[in-house]
Protein backbone atom coordinates (compact mmCIF):
# COMPACT_ATOMS: atom_id res chain seq x y z
CA MET A 1 -153.99 6.87 12.30
CA LYS A 2 -156.63 9.41 11.45
CA VAL A 3 -156.34 11.13 14.84
CA ARG A 4 -152.56 11.38 14.48
CA ALA A 5 -152.87 12.94 10.99
CA GLU A 6 -155.32 15.53 12.34
CA TRP A 7 -152.95 16.32 15.20
CA LEU A 8 -150.01 16.70 12.82
CA GLY A 9 -152.14 18.89 10.57
CA GLY A 10 -153.02 21.15 13.52
CA THR A 11 -149.39 21.28 14.63
CA ALA A 12 -148.26 22.11 11.11
CA ARG A 13 -150.83 24.92 10.96
CA ALA A 14 -149.65 26.29 14.30
CA ILE A 15 -146.01 26.18 13.23
CA LEU A 16 -146.91 27.88 9.97
CA ALA A 17 -148.87 30.57 11.82
CA ILE A 18 -145.93 31.20 14.17
CA ALA A 19 -143.53 31.40 11.23
CA VAL A 20 -145.80 33.90 9.45
CA LEU A 21 -146.03 35.97 12.64
CA ILE A 22 -142.25 35.99 13.10
CA LEU A 23 -141.65 36.96 9.47
CA SER A 24 -144.23 39.73 9.55
CA VAL A 25 -142.77 41.18 12.78
CA ALA A 26 -139.25 41.01 11.28
CA GLY A 27 -140.47 42.58 8.05
CA ALA A 28 -142.25 45.35 9.91
CA SER A 29 -139.12 45.95 11.96
CA SER A 30 -136.97 46.16 8.80
CA LEU A 31 -139.47 48.51 7.21
CA ALA A 32 -139.52 50.69 10.33
CA ARG A 33 -135.69 50.79 10.36
CA ALA A 34 -135.62 51.73 6.66
CA GLN A 35 -138.20 54.44 7.23
CA SER A 36 -136.36 55.78 10.30
CA GLY A 37 -133.08 55.71 8.32
CA ALA A 38 -134.70 57.71 5.52
CA ALA A 39 -136.20 60.14 8.03
CA LEU A 40 -132.82 60.58 9.74
CA MET A 41 -131.16 61.19 6.37
CA ASN A 42 -133.81 63.80 5.51
CA HIS A 43 -133.35 65.55 8.87
CA VAL A 44 -129.57 65.67 8.46
CA ASN A 45 -129.83 66.95 4.87
CA ALA A 46 -132.30 69.63 5.99
CA ALA A 47 -129.90 70.72 8.76
CA LEU A 48 -127.02 70.89 6.29
CA GLN A 49 -129.06 72.87 3.75
CA SER A 50 -130.13 75.39 6.39
CA ASN A 51 -126.56 76.76 6.40
CA PRO A 52 -125.48 78.44 3.13
CA HIS A 53 -121.84 77.46 3.79
CA LEU A 54 -122.84 73.79 3.57
CA ASN A 55 -124.90 73.80 0.38
CA GLY A 56 -122.52 71.31 -1.27
CA ALA A 57 -122.73 68.78 1.57
CA ARG A 58 -125.12 65.82 1.42
CA ALA A 59 -125.75 62.84 3.71
CA TYR A 60 -126.99 59.29 3.62
CA THR A 61 -127.49 56.72 6.36
CA ALA A 62 -125.18 53.71 6.34
CA ALA A 63 -126.55 51.98 9.43
CA GLU A 64 -128.81 52.85 12.32
CA GLY A 65 -127.64 56.23 13.61
CA VAL A 66 -124.62 56.34 11.28
CA VAL A 67 -124.59 59.20 8.78
CA VAL A 68 -122.11 59.49 5.89
CA LEU A 69 -121.35 62.98 4.58
CA TYR A 70 -120.28 63.47 0.96
CA GLY A 71 -119.99 66.30 -1.54
CA VAL A 72 -117.84 69.43 -1.71
CA VAL A 73 -117.57 72.31 0.76
CA PHE A 74 -115.31 75.35 0.58
CA ASP A 75 -112.62 74.56 3.16
CA ASP A 76 -111.73 72.58 6.28
CA ASN A 77 -113.70 74.98 8.51
CA ASP A 78 -116.87 74.23 6.52
CA ARG A 79 -116.02 70.54 6.65
CA MET A 80 -115.86 70.65 10.46
CA LEU A 81 -119.07 72.67 10.56
CA ALA A 82 -120.84 70.02 8.45
CA VAL A 83 -119.67 67.22 10.76
CA GLN A 84 -120.84 69.18 13.83
CA THR A 85 -124.17 70.03 12.20
CA ALA A 86 -124.86 66.41 11.26
CA GLY A 87 -123.76 65.16 14.69
CA ALA A 88 -126.17 67.54 16.42
CA VAL A 89 -129.24 66.03 14.71
CA PRO A 90 -131.18 63.83 17.16
CA GLY A 91 -130.72 60.14 16.32
CA VAL A 92 -127.21 60.52 14.87
CA SER A 93 -124.71 58.44 16.82
CA SER A 94 -121.78 58.62 14.41
CA VAL A 95 -120.71 60.76 11.43
CA VAL A 96 -118.43 59.49 8.66
CA ASP A 97 -116.75 62.40 6.84
CA ASN A 98 -116.23 61.79 3.11
CA LEU A 99 -116.44 65.48 2.21
CA ARG A 100 -113.97 67.11 -0.17
CA THR A 101 -112.97 70.76 -0.09
CA LYS A 102 -112.63 73.24 -2.94
CA THR A 103 -109.39 74.48 -1.42
CA GLY A 104 -108.09 70.91 -1.48
CA LYS A 105 -108.84 70.71 -5.19
CA TRP A 106 -107.11 74.05 -5.72
CA PHE A 107 -104.05 72.81 -3.85
CA GLN A 108 -103.89 69.70 -6.05
CA GLU A 109 -104.03 71.92 -9.14
CA GLU A 110 -101.26 74.12 -7.72
CA GLU A 111 -99.05 71.09 -7.14
CA ARG A 112 -99.63 69.84 -10.67
CA ILE A 113 -98.71 73.24 -12.14
CA VAL A 114 -95.64 73.65 -9.90
CA LEU A 115 -94.31 70.24 -10.92
CA GLN A 116 -94.71 71.10 -14.60
CA LEU A 117 -93.02 74.48 -14.17
CA GLN A 118 -90.14 72.94 -12.20
CA SER A 119 -89.63 70.26 -14.81
CA ASN A 120 -89.22 73.11 -17.32
CA GLY A 121 -86.62 74.90 -15.19
CA PHE A 122 -88.88 77.45 -13.47
CA ASN A 123 -87.79 76.77 -9.89
CA ASP A 124 -88.26 80.38 -8.74
CA VAL A 125 -91.90 80.67 -9.80
CA GLN A 126 -94.66 80.35 -7.19
CA VAL A 127 -98.23 79.34 -8.01
CA LYS A 128 -101.50 80.03 -6.20
CA VAL A 129 -104.84 78.72 -7.50
CA VAL A 130 -108.04 80.31 -6.22
CA GLY A 131 -111.17 79.15 -7.98
CA PRO A 132 -110.85 79.77 -11.73
CA TYR A 133 -107.71 81.90 -11.32
CA VAL A 134 -104.03 81.01 -11.18
CA TYR A 135 -101.59 83.58 -9.84
CA LEU A 136 -97.95 83.31 -10.89
CA SER A 137 -95.24 85.16 -8.96
CA GLY A 138 -91.50 84.96 -8.49
CA GLN A 139 -88.77 85.96 -10.88
CA VAL A 140 -87.30 84.86 -14.17
CA THR A 141 -84.69 86.26 -16.52
CA GLY A 142 -86.41 88.21 -19.28
CA GLN A 143 -89.86 88.72 -20.74
CA GLY A 144 -89.53 85.61 -22.91
CA ALA A 145 -89.19 83.38 -19.83
CA LYS A 146 -92.15 85.12 -18.19
CA GLN A 147 -94.32 84.43 -21.25
CA ARG A 148 -93.03 80.85 -21.52
CA ALA A 149 -94.02 80.15 -17.87
CA ALA A 150 -97.54 81.43 -18.56
CA SER A 151 -97.69 79.36 -21.73
CA ILE A 152 -96.76 76.19 -19.81
CA VAL A 153 -99.50 76.88 -17.24
CA ASN A 154 -102.02 77.50 -20.02
CA SER A 155 -101.11 74.20 -21.71
CA ILE A 156 -101.85 72.14 -18.58
CA ALA A 157 -104.68 74.24 -17.12
CA PRO A 158 -106.43 75.89 -20.08
CA ASN A 159 -109.61 76.62 -18.10
CA LEU A 160 -107.83 78.82 -15.55
CA GLU A 161 -107.38 82.54 -16.02
CA ILE A 162 -103.70 83.37 -15.57
CA ASN A 163 -102.59 86.43 -13.59
CA ASN A 164 -98.91 86.61 -14.42
CA MET A 165 -97.17 88.69 -11.75
CA ILE A 166 -93.73 87.19 -12.38
CA TRP A 167 -90.96 89.77 -12.26
CA ALA A 168 -88.77 89.58 -15.35
CA ARG A 169 -85.36 90.74 -14.26
CA PRO A 170 -83.17 92.04 -17.05
CA GLY A 171 -80.58 89.64 -18.40
CA SER A 172 -76.86 90.28 -18.34
CA MET A 173 -75.59 92.90 -20.76
CA PHE A 174 -72.37 90.97 -21.34
């Protein structure tokens, strides 16, 4: 009985040693992957920051070799440039584009303003948003309608500076 207990004890120690070895190798591998993922993320972010057109773009690693881009760039050309820049970094196998564009935000603001103007009967007024400015053009009947259109825009987009280039055609004399 005593010999068998010693044998089992030795076997148990060997199994335990093997388990510890496996876990330490797996842990080291996970740590190495995490460190390489962080290094890849840092390399991609450095590449993005080296181009002044891409200063709003950031990246993180989602899986080995997979980089996710996020943030805001100016337009679709800068978006494509960011994807190409990230994809050119050694170690990147795939790029996921979650970037937004400033021009896309401007377009959404334009649509919101146009809908509000149309719901108030201003179907012949065009809107263009560029940064903090909104440009109104088109035609209305009279100065009062021109001012009312600008007032509607100001009520829904008070942070935008309005450039009212609407032509106020004179109303009927009779």
